[in-house]
Amino acid sequence: MKNFFAILGGMGTLATESFVRVLNERTPNHSDQDYLNYVLINHATVPDRTAFILGKSEKSPVAALKEDIRQYSTLEPRFFVLTCNTAHHFYDELVETTTTPLLHMPRLAVQAVLKKFADLERPIRVGVLATEGTIQSKVYENELNSYTNIETIIPNQEIQQQVTHLIYRDIKERNFLNQELYFSILDQMIREQQCDVVLLGCTELSLMQESTKNAAYSVIDAQSELVDETIRLALEYRQADS
């Protein structure tokens, strides 16, 4: 198979399914042949990224991710897509494994924030919702703080606990899309923390956004931005090869 990309998924299998579903839904198509060529690596047994970052586990996910990249690089995909936000903490280590481009989801999300608020004449107040591992590793905070016109808002302990419960207790453990809790968290960030926009930096939260079709709260969904860039690049390569 030529002109394809590889999806590094399985780190939240339901979230990976959401990524693929949205990817297929957004791909312009009139026939089977219009869909994109890709290989999906659903590596569910990759050690927990957050547990390792927080020091709750000694099992690093890096070796498993590097091995996936090495194996699938031999197939010569056009690029890799990493669907786990927290795994971007290891991005610099992973890109050393291959010469194949690896898309950077947090950077795409931050660019979307800047585009959305390009006309705002004061700093953009961006609230970050993510796993504790992503928050502690500052994957998003560092990207956001590299711009002088962005003010990063990290959830307080109470809100972060709610986010953790939504991701792990409800979605990962019980396969329960807790819409009431999701909207409550967004409301607290927008109204109480006075954020202009909430950046969803966890694919389980992207799954919530997809399922609720939220339009009431200002949100930038990192996974959604990754989907759009994936489609753009894949179609660009296809056109170049035609």
C-alpha atoms as a PDB file:
ATOM      1  CA  MET A   1       0.000   0.000   0.000  1.00  0.00           C
ATOM      2  CA  LYS A   2       1.365   3.395  -0.991  1.00  0.00           C
ATOM      3  CA  ASN A   3       0.585   6.887   0.245  1.00  0.00           C
ATOM      4  CA  PHE A   4      -0.682   6.017   3.722  1.00  0.00           C
ATOM      5  CA  PHE A   5      -0.147   7.208   7.281  1.00  0.00           C
ATOM      6  CA  ALA A   6       0.072   5.338  10.584  1.00  0.00           C
ATOM      7  CA  ILE A   7      -2.079   6.034  13.655  1.00  0.00           C
ATOM      8  CA  LEU A   8      -0.416   5.291  16.993  1.00  0.00           C
ATOM      9  CA  GLY A   9      -3.526   4.515  19.032  1.00  0.00           C
ATOM     10  CA  GLY A  10      -4.881   2.239  21.714  1.00  0.00           C
ATOM     11  CA  MET A  11      -3.861   4.514  24.597  1.00  0.00           C
ATOM     12  CA  GLY A  12      -7.514   4.847  25.403  1.00  0.00           C
ATOM     13  CA  THR A  13      -9.120   2.490  22.910  1.00  0.00           C
ATOM     14  CA  LEU A  14     -12.502   4.254  22.999  1.00  0.00           C
ATOM     15  CA  ALA A  15     -10.737   7.545  22.323  1.00  0.00           C
ATOM     16  CA  THR A  16      -8.856   5.954  19.426  1.00  0.00           C
ATOM     17  CA  GLU A  17     -12.162   4.739  18.000  1.00  0.00           C
ATOM     18  CA  SER A  18     -13.449   8.308  18.300  1.00  0.00           C
ATOM     19  CA  PHE A  19     -10.441   9.654  16.381  1.00  0.00           C
ATOM     20  CA  VAL A  20     -10.930   7.167  13.538  1.00  0.00           C
ATOM     21  CA  ARG A  21     -14.675   7.725  13.439  1.00  0.00           C
ATOM     22  CA  VAL A  22     -14.303  11.513  13.195  1.00  0.00           C
ATOM     23  CA  LEU A  23     -11.501  11.102  10.656  1.00  0.00           C
ATOM     24  CA  ASN A  24     -13.712   9.014   8.383  1.00  0.00           C
ATOM     25  CA  GLU A  25     -16.735  11.257   8.840  1.00  0.00           C
ATOM     26  CA  ARG A  26     -14.794  14.373   7.836  1.00  0.00           C
ATOM     27  CA  THR A  27     -12.968  12.868   4.884  1.00  0.00           C
ATOM     28  CA  PRO A  28     -14.582  14.132   1.644  1.00  0.00           C
ATOM     29  CA  ASN A  29     -15.909  11.087  -0.149  1.00  0.00           C
ATOM     30  CA  HIS A  30     -18.255   9.910  -2.876  1.00  0.00           C
ATOM     31  CA  SER A  31     -16.991   6.331  -3.092  1.00  0.00           C
ATOM     32  CA  ASP A  32     -14.966   3.760  -1.133  1.00  0.00           C
ATOM     33  CA  GLN A  33     -11.819   4.873  -2.910  1.00  0.00           C
ATOM     34  CA  ASP A  34     -12.109   8.419  -1.598  1.00  0.00           C
ATOM     35  CA  TYR A  35     -11.363   7.408   1.984  1.00  0.00           C
ATOM     36  CA  LEU A  36      -7.815   7.697   3.326  1.00  0.00           C
ATOM     37  CA  ASN A  37      -5.210   4.947   3.458  1.00  0.00           C
ATOM     38  CA  TYR A  38      -3.957   4.334   6.985  1.00  0.00           C
ATOM     39  CA  VAL A  39      -2.664   1.696   9.372  1.00  0.00           C
ATOM     40  CA  LEU A  40      -4.139   1.706  12.879  1.00  0.00           C
ATOM     41  CA  ILE A  41      -1.934   0.445  15.713  1.00  0.00           C
ATOM     42  CA  ASN A  42      -4.276  -0.186  18.640  1.00  0.00           C
ATOM     43  CA  HIS A  43      -1.587  -0.852  21.251  1.00  0.00           C
ATOM     44  CA  ALA A  44      -3.795  -1.026  24.341  1.00  0.00           C
ATOM     45  CA  THR A  45      -1.106  -2.502  26.611  1.00  0.00           C
ATOM     46  CA  VAL A  46       1.208   0.513  26.423  1.00  0.00           C
ATOM     47  CA  PRO A  47       1.901   1.344  30.113  1.00  0.00           C
ATOM     48  CA  ASP A  48      -0.149   4.182  31.560  1.00  0.00           C
ATOM     49  CA  ARG A  49       1.462   7.498  30.676  1.00  0.00           C
ATOM     50  CA  THR A  50      -0.007   9.500  33.556  1.00  0.00           C
ATOM     51  CA  ALA A  51       0.898   6.906  36.192  1.00  0.00           C
ATOM     52  CA  PHE A  52       4.517   6.945  35.011  1.00  0.00           C
ATOM     53  CA  ILE A  53       4.781  10.749  34.858  1.00  0.00           C
ATOM     54  CA  LEU A  54       3.277  11.101  38.352  1.00  0.00           C
ATOM     55  CA  GLY A  55       5.674   8.503  39.749  1.00  0.00           C
ATOM     56  CA  LYS A  56       2.879   6.047  40.561  1.00  0.00           C
ATOM     57  CA  SER A  57       4.351   3.411  38.228  1.00  0.00           C
ATOM     58  CA  GLU A  58       7.863   2.450  37.201  1.00  0.00           C
ATOM     59  CA  LYS A  59       6.648   1.128  33.854  1.00  0.00           C
ATOM     60  CA  SER A  60       7.655   3.619  31.183  1.00  0.00           C
ATOM     61  CA  PRO A  61       5.575   3.759  27.992  1.00  0.00           C
ATOM     62  CA  VAL A  62       8.535   4.961  25.933  1.00  0.00           C
ATOM     63  CA  ALA A  63      10.005   1.582  24.966  1.00  0.00           C
ATOM     64  CA  ALA A  64       6.643   0.300  23.680  1.00  0.00           C
ATOM     65  CA  LEU A  65       5.984   3.461  21.694  1.00  0.00           C
ATOM     66  CA  LYS A  66       9.470   3.482  20.211  1.00  0.00           C
ATOM     67  CA  GLU A  67       9.118  -0.146  19.164  1.00  0.00           C
ATOM     68  CA  ASP A  68       5.789   0.624  17.438  1.00  0.00           C
ATOM     69  CA  ILE A  69       7.410   3.495  15.566  1.00  0.00           C
ATOM     70  CA  ARG A  70      10.444   1.415  14.570  1.00  0.00           C
ATOM     71  CA  GLN A  71       8.320  -1.469  13.320  1.00  0.00           C
ATOM     72  CA  TYR A  72       5.909   0.612  11.290  1.00  0.00           C
ATOM     73  CA  SER A  73       8.569   2.950   9.936  1.00  0.00           C
ATOM     74  CA  THR A  74       9.756  -0.006   7.845  1.00  0.00           C
ATOM     75  CA  LEU A  75       6.434   0.199   5.948  1.00  0.00           C
ATOM     76  CA  GLU A  76       7.325   3.807   4.997  1.00  0.00           C
ATOM     77  CA  PRO A  77       4.186   5.698   6.013  1.00  0.00           C
ATOM     78  CA  ARG A  78       4.000   9.354   4.997  1.00  0.00           C
ATOM     79  CA  PHE A  79       3.643  10.416   8.643  1.00  0.00           C
ATOM     80  CA  PHE A  80       2.667   9.219  12.105  1.00  0.00           C
ATOM     81  CA  VAL A  81      -0.325  10.401  14.132  1.00  0.00           C
ATOM     82  CA  LEU A  82      -0.057  10.131  17.925  1.00  0.00           C
ATOM     83  CA  THR A  83      -3.581  10.180  19.351  1.00  0.00           C
ATOM     84  CA  CYS A  84      -2.645  10.322  23.059  1.00  0.00           C
ATOM     85  CA  ASN A  85      -2.111  13.825  24.441  1.00  0.00           C
ATOM     86  CA  THR A  86      -0.140  12.707  27.487  1.00  0.00           C
ATOM     87  CA  ALA A  87       2.246  10.680  25.313  1.00  0.00           C
ATOM     88  CA  HIS A  88       3.420  13.966  23.780  1.00  0.00           C
ATOM     89  CA  HIS A  89       5.452  14.415  26.975  1.00  0.00           C
ATOM     90  CA  PHE A  90       7.831  11.924  25.327  1.00  0.00           C
ATOM     91  CA  TYR A  91       7.621  13.526  21.860  1.00  0.00           C
ATOM     92  CA  ASP A  92      11.306  14.501  21.616  1.00  0.00           C
ATOM     93  CA  GLU A  93      12.383  10.950  22.483  1.00  0.00           C
ATOM     94  CA  LEU A  94       9.962   9.422  19.991  1.00  0.00           C
ATOM     95  CA  VAL A  95      10.972  11.540  16.995  1.00  0.00           C
ATOM     96  CA  GLU A  96      14.567  10.359  17.437  1.00  0.00           C
ATOM     97  CA  THR A  97      13.352   6.863  16.528  1.00  0.00           C
ATOM     98  CA  THR A  98      12.365   7.649  12.940  1.00  0.00           C
ATOM     99  CA  THR A  99      12.869   9.990  10.006  1.00  0.00           C
ATOM    100  CA  THR A 100       9.115   9.858   9.333  1.00  0.00           C
ATOM    101  CA  PRO A 101       7.286  13.027  10.502  1.00  0.00           C
ATOM    102  CA  LEU A 102       5.266  12.725  13.713  1.00  0.00           C
ATOM    103  CA  LEU A 103       2.430  15.244  14.037  1.00  0.00           C
ATOM    104  CA  HIS A 104       2.349  17.273  17.272  1.00  0.00           C
ATOM    105  CA  MET A 105      -1.232  17.559  18.542  1.00  0.00           C
ATOM    106  CA  PRO A 106      -0.655  20.223  21.254  1.00  0.00           C
ATOM    107  CA  ARG A 107       1.015  22.585  18.774  1.00  0.00           C
ATOM    108  CA  LEU A 108      -1.865  22.204  16.339  1.00  0.00           C
ATOM    109  CA  ALA A 109      -4.340  22.997  19.130  1.00  0.00           C
ATOM    110  CA  VAL A 110      -2.457  26.120  20.211  1.00  0.00           C
ATOM    111  CA  GLN A 111      -2.336  27.352  16.609  1.00  0.00           C
ATOM    112  CA  ALA A 112      -6.118  26.901  16.472  1.00  0.00           C
ATOM    113  CA  VAL A 113      -6.500  29.034  19.609  1.00  0.00           C
ATOM    114  CA  LEU A 114      -4.405  31.818  18.088  1.00  0.00           C
ATOM    115  CA  LYS A 115      -6.423  31.714  14.879  1.00  0.00           C
ATOM    116  CA  LYS A 116      -9.767  31.756  16.702  1.00  0.00           C
ATOM    117  CA  PHE A 117      -8.822  34.812  18.772  1.00  0.00           C
ATOM    118  CA  ALA A 118      -6.606  36.621  16.272  1.00  0.00           C
ATOM    119  CA  ASP A 119      -8.558  39.870  16.700  1.00  0.00           C
ATOM    120  CA  LEU A 120      -8.608  39.883  20.510  1.00  0.00           C
ATOM    121  CA  GLU A 121      -6.702  42.914  21.802  1.00  0.00           C
ATOM    122  CA  ARG A 122      -5.847  41.453  25.201  1.00  0.00           C
ATOM    123  CA  PRO A 123      -4.230  38.178  26.296  1.00  0.00           C
ATOM    124  CA  ILE A 124      -6.333  35.113  25.498  1.00  0.00           C
ATOM    125  CA  ARG A 125      -7.337  33.286  28.682  1.00  0.00           C
ATOM    126  CA  VAL A 126      -6.981  29.607  27.791  1.00  0.00           C
ATOM    127  CA  GLY A 127      -8.108  26.946  30.255  1.00  0.00           C
ATOM    128  CA  VAL A 128      -6.449  23.538  29.901  1.00  0.00           C
ATOM    129  CA  LEU A 129      -8.345  20.346  30.658  1.00  0.00           C
ATOM    130  CA  ALA A 130      -6.222  17.189  30.607  1.00  0.00           C
ATOM    131  CA  THR A 131      -4.988  14.269  32.669  1.00  0.00           C
ATOM    132  CA  GLU A 132      -2.928  15.006  35.761  1.00  0.00           C
ATOM    133  CA  GLY A 133       0.073  13.635  33.874  1.00  0.00           C
ATOM    134  CA  THR A 134      -0.379  16.074  31.000  1.00  0.00           C
ATOM    135  CA  ILE A 135      -0.891  18.967  33.418  1.00  0.00           C
ATOM    136  CA  GLN A 136       2.171  18.086  35.510  1.00  0.00           C
ATOM    137  CA  SER A 137       4.374  17.565  32.459  1.00  0.00           C
ATOM    138  CA  LYS A 138       3.253  20.971  31.123  1.00  0.00           C
ATOM    139  CA  VAL A 139       2.820  19.595  27.612  1.00  0.00           C
ATOM    140  CA  TYR A 140       0.216  22.255  26.844  1.00  0.00           C
ATOM    141  CA  GLU A 141       1.332  24.910  29.295  1.00  0.00           C
ATOM    142  CA  ASN A 142       4.768  25.181  27.695  1.00  0.00           C
ATOM    143  CA  GLU A 143       3.284  25.489  24.206  1.00  0.00           C
ATOM    144  CA  LEU A 144       0.772  28.126  25.333  1.00  0.00           C
ATOM    145  CA  ASN A 145       3.272  30.126  27.389  1.00  0.00           C
ATOM    146  CA  SER A 146       5.580  30.483  24.394  1.00  0.00           C
ATOM    147  CA  TYR A 147       3.150  33.182  23.189  1.00  0.00           C
ATOM    148  CA  THR A 148       2.981  36.534  24.985  1.00  0.00           C
ATOM    149  CA  ASN A 149      -0.676  37.042  24.053  1.00  0.00           C
ATOM    150  CA  ILE A 150      -1.860  33.896  25.868  1.00  0.00           C
ATOM    151  CA  GLU A 151      -2.613  33.525  29.572  1.00  0.00           C
ATOM    152  CA  THR A 152      -2.776  29.871  30.597  1.00  0.00           C
ATOM    153  CA  ILE A 153      -5.354  28.849  33.191  1.00  0.00           C
ATOM    154  CA  ILE A 154      -4.710  25.539  34.954  1.00  0.00           C
ATOM    155  CA  PRO A 155      -7.724  24.062  36.816  1.00  0.00           C
ATOM    156  CA  ASN A 156      -7.729  24.301  40.582  1.00  0.00           C
ATOM    157  CA  GLN A 157      -7.507  21.092  42.603  1.00  0.00           C
ATOM    158  CA  GLU A 158     -11.276  20.649  42.840  1.00  0.00           C
ATOM    159  CA  ILE A 159     -11.865  21.001  39.096  1.00  0.00           C
ATOM    160  CA  GLN A 160      -8.872  18.810  38.267  1.00  0.00           C
ATOM    161  CA  GLN A 161     -10.263  16.071  40.494  1.00  0.00           C
ATOM    162  CA  GLN A 162     -13.532  16.247  38.575  1.00  0.00           C
ATOM    163  CA  VAL A 163     -11.650  16.001  35.275  1.00  0.00           C
ATOM    164  CA  THR A 164      -9.727  12.971  36.553  1.00  0.00           C
ATOM    165  CA  HIS A 165     -12.960  11.288  37.656  1.00  0.00           C
ATOM    166  CA  LEU A 166     -14.549  11.937  34.275  1.00  0.00           C
ATOM    167  CA  ILE A 167     -11.577  10.515  32.353  1.00  0.00           C
ATOM    168  CA  TYR A 168     -10.716   7.513  34.504  1.00  0.00           C
ATOM    169  CA  ARG A 169     -13.721   6.602  36.663  1.00  0.00           C
ATOM    170  CA  ASP A 170     -16.443   7.303  34.129  1.00  0.00           C
ATOM    171  CA  ILE A 171     -15.015   6.846  30.632  1.00  0.00           C
ATOM    172  CA  LYS A 172     -12.050   4.478  30.998  1.00  0.00           C
ATOM    173  CA  GLU A 173     -13.405   2.273  33.797  1.00  0.00           C
ATOM    174  CA  ARG A 174     -17.159   2.344  33.179  1.00  0.00           C
ATOM    175  CA  ASN A 175     -17.514   3.378  29.539  1.00  0.00           C
ATOM    176  CA  PHE A 176     -19.897   6.069  30.819  1.00  0.00           C
ATOM    177  CA  LEU A 177     -20.045   9.378  28.982  1.00  0.00           C
ATOM    178  CA  ASN A 178     -20.993  11.605  31.907  1.00  0.00           C
ATOM    179  CA  GLN A 179     -22.455  14.604  30.107  1.00  0.00           C
ATOM    180  CA  GLU A 180     -23.623  16.318  33.282  1.00  0.00           C
ATOM    181  CA  LEU A 181     -20.133  16.318  34.776  1.00  0.00           C
ATOM    182  CA  TYR A 182     -18.553  17.372  31.479  1.00  0.00           C
ATOM    183  CA  PHE A 183     -20.785  20.412  31.127  1.00  0.00           C
ATOM    184  CA  SER A 184     -20.290  21.286  34.794  1.00  0.00           C
ATOM    185  CA  ILE A 185     -16.520  21.320  34.314  1.00  0.00           C
ATOM    186  CA  LEU A 186     -16.775  23.509  31.204  1.00  0.00           C
ATOM    187  CA  ASP A 187     -19.128  25.884  33.029  1.00  0.00           C
ATOM    188  CA  GLN A 188     -16.712  26.257  35.926  1.00  0.00           C
ATOM    189  CA  MET A 189     -13.807  26.998  33.598  1.00  0.00           C
ATOM    190  CA  ILE A 190     -15.706  29.530  31.482  1.00  0.00           C
ATOM    191  CA  ARG A 191     -17.743  31.268  34.179  1.00  0.00           C
ATOM    192  CA  GLU A 192     -15.758  30.888  37.390  1.00  0.00           C
ATOM    193  CA  GLN A 193     -12.231  30.828  35.981  1.00  0.00           C
ATOM    194  CA  GLN A 194     -13.209  33.390  33.304  1.00  0.00           C
ATOM    195  CA  CYS A 195     -11.578  31.539  30.419  1.00  0.00           C
ATOM    196  CA  ASP A 196     -12.155  32.731  26.869  1.00  0.00           C
ATOM    197  CA  VAL A 197     -11.782  29.175  25.645  1.00  0.00           C
ATOM    198  CA  VAL A 198     -11.197  25.718  27.079  1.00  0.00           C
ATOM    199  CA  LEU A 199      -8.556  23.579  25.384  1.00  0.00           C
ATOM    200  CA  LEU A 200      -9.376  19.872  25.534  1.00  0.00           C
ATOM    201  CA  GLY A 201      -6.017  18.149  25.968  1.00  0.00           C
ATOM    202  CA  CYS A 202      -7.215  14.592  26.508  1.00  0.00           C
ATOM    203  CA  THR A 203      -8.791  12.309  23.925  1.00  0.00           C
ATOM    204  CA  GLU A 204     -11.394  11.084  26.418  1.00  0.00           C
ATOM    205  CA  LEU A 205     -12.538  14.699  26.663  1.00  0.00           C
ATOM    206  CA  SER A 206     -12.566  14.830  22.861  1.00  0.00           C
ATOM    207  CA  LEU A 207     -14.869  11.822  22.997  1.00  0.00           C
ATOM    208  CA  MET A 208     -17.160  13.800  25.318  1.00  0.00           C
ATOM    209  CA  GLN A 209     -17.105  16.743  22.923  1.00  0.00           C
ATOM    210  CA  GLU A 210     -17.987  14.479  20.013  1.00  0.00           C
ATOM    211  CA  SER A 211     -20.832  12.750  21.856  1.00  0.00           C
ATOM    212  CA  THR A 212     -22.420  15.915  23.299  1.00  0.00           C
ATOM    213  CA  LYS A 213     -21.954  18.045  20.167  1.00  0.00           C
ATOM    214  CA  ASN A 214     -21.338  20.904  22.596  1.00  0.00           C
ATOM    215  CA  ALA A 215     -22.015  24.337  21.149  1.00  0.00           C
ATOM    216  CA  ALA A 216     -22.766  26.234  24.360  1.00  0.00           C
ATOM    217  CA  TYR A 217     -19.176  26.545  25.563  1.00  0.00           C
ATOM    218  CA  SER A 218     -16.123  27.876  23.743  1.00  0.00           C
ATOM    219  CA  VAL A 219     -13.818  24.904  23.187  1.00  0.00           C
ATOM    220  CA  ILE A 220     -10.753  24.004  21.139  1.00  0.00           C
ATOM    221  CA  ASP A 221     -10.557  20.234  20.830  1.00  0.00           C
ATOM    222  CA  ALA A 222      -6.971  19.085  20.252  1.00  0.00           C
ATOM    223  CA  GLN A 223      -8.067  15.796  18.706  1.00  0.00           C
ATOM    224  CA  SER A 224     -10.358  17.608  16.290  1.00  0.00           C
ATOM    225  CA  GLU A 225      -7.452  19.787  15.163  1.00  0.00           C
ATOM    226  CA  LEU A 226      -5.315  16.683  14.714  1.00  0.00           C
ATOM    227  CA  VAL A 227      -8.032  15.071  12.582  1.00  0.00           C
ATOM    228  CA  ASP A 228      -8.216  18.109  10.314  1.00  0.00           C
ATOM    229  CA  GLU A 229      -4.441  18.287   9.869  1.00  0.00           C
ATOM    230  CA  THR A 230      -4.285  14.557   9.198  1.00  0.00           C
ATOM    231  CA  ILE A 231      -6.882  14.858   6.435  1.00  0.00           C
ATOM    232  CA  ARG A 232      -5.194  17.928   4.961  1.00  0.00           C
ATOM    233  CA  LEU A 233      -1.793  16.248   4.794  1.00  0.00           C
ATOM    234  CA  ALA A 234      -3.104  12.923   3.518  1.00  0.00           C
ATOM    235  CA  LEU A 235      -5.046  14.582   0.697  1.00  0.00           C
ATOM    236  CA  GLU A 236      -2.045  16.761  -0.142  1.00  0.00           C
ATOM    237  CA  TYR A 237       0.166  13.686  -0.527  1.00  0.00           C
ATOM    238  CA  ARG A 238      -2.518  11.906  -2.554  1.00  0.00           C
ATOM    239  CA  GLN A 239      -2.841  14.815  -4.943  1.00  0.00           C
ATOM    240  CA  ALA A 240       0.931  15.078  -5.322  1.00  0.00           C
ATOM    241  CA  ASP A 241       1.108  11.395  -6.260  1.00  0.00           C
ATOM    242  CA  SER A 242      -1.793  11.474  -8.713  1.00  0.00           C
END
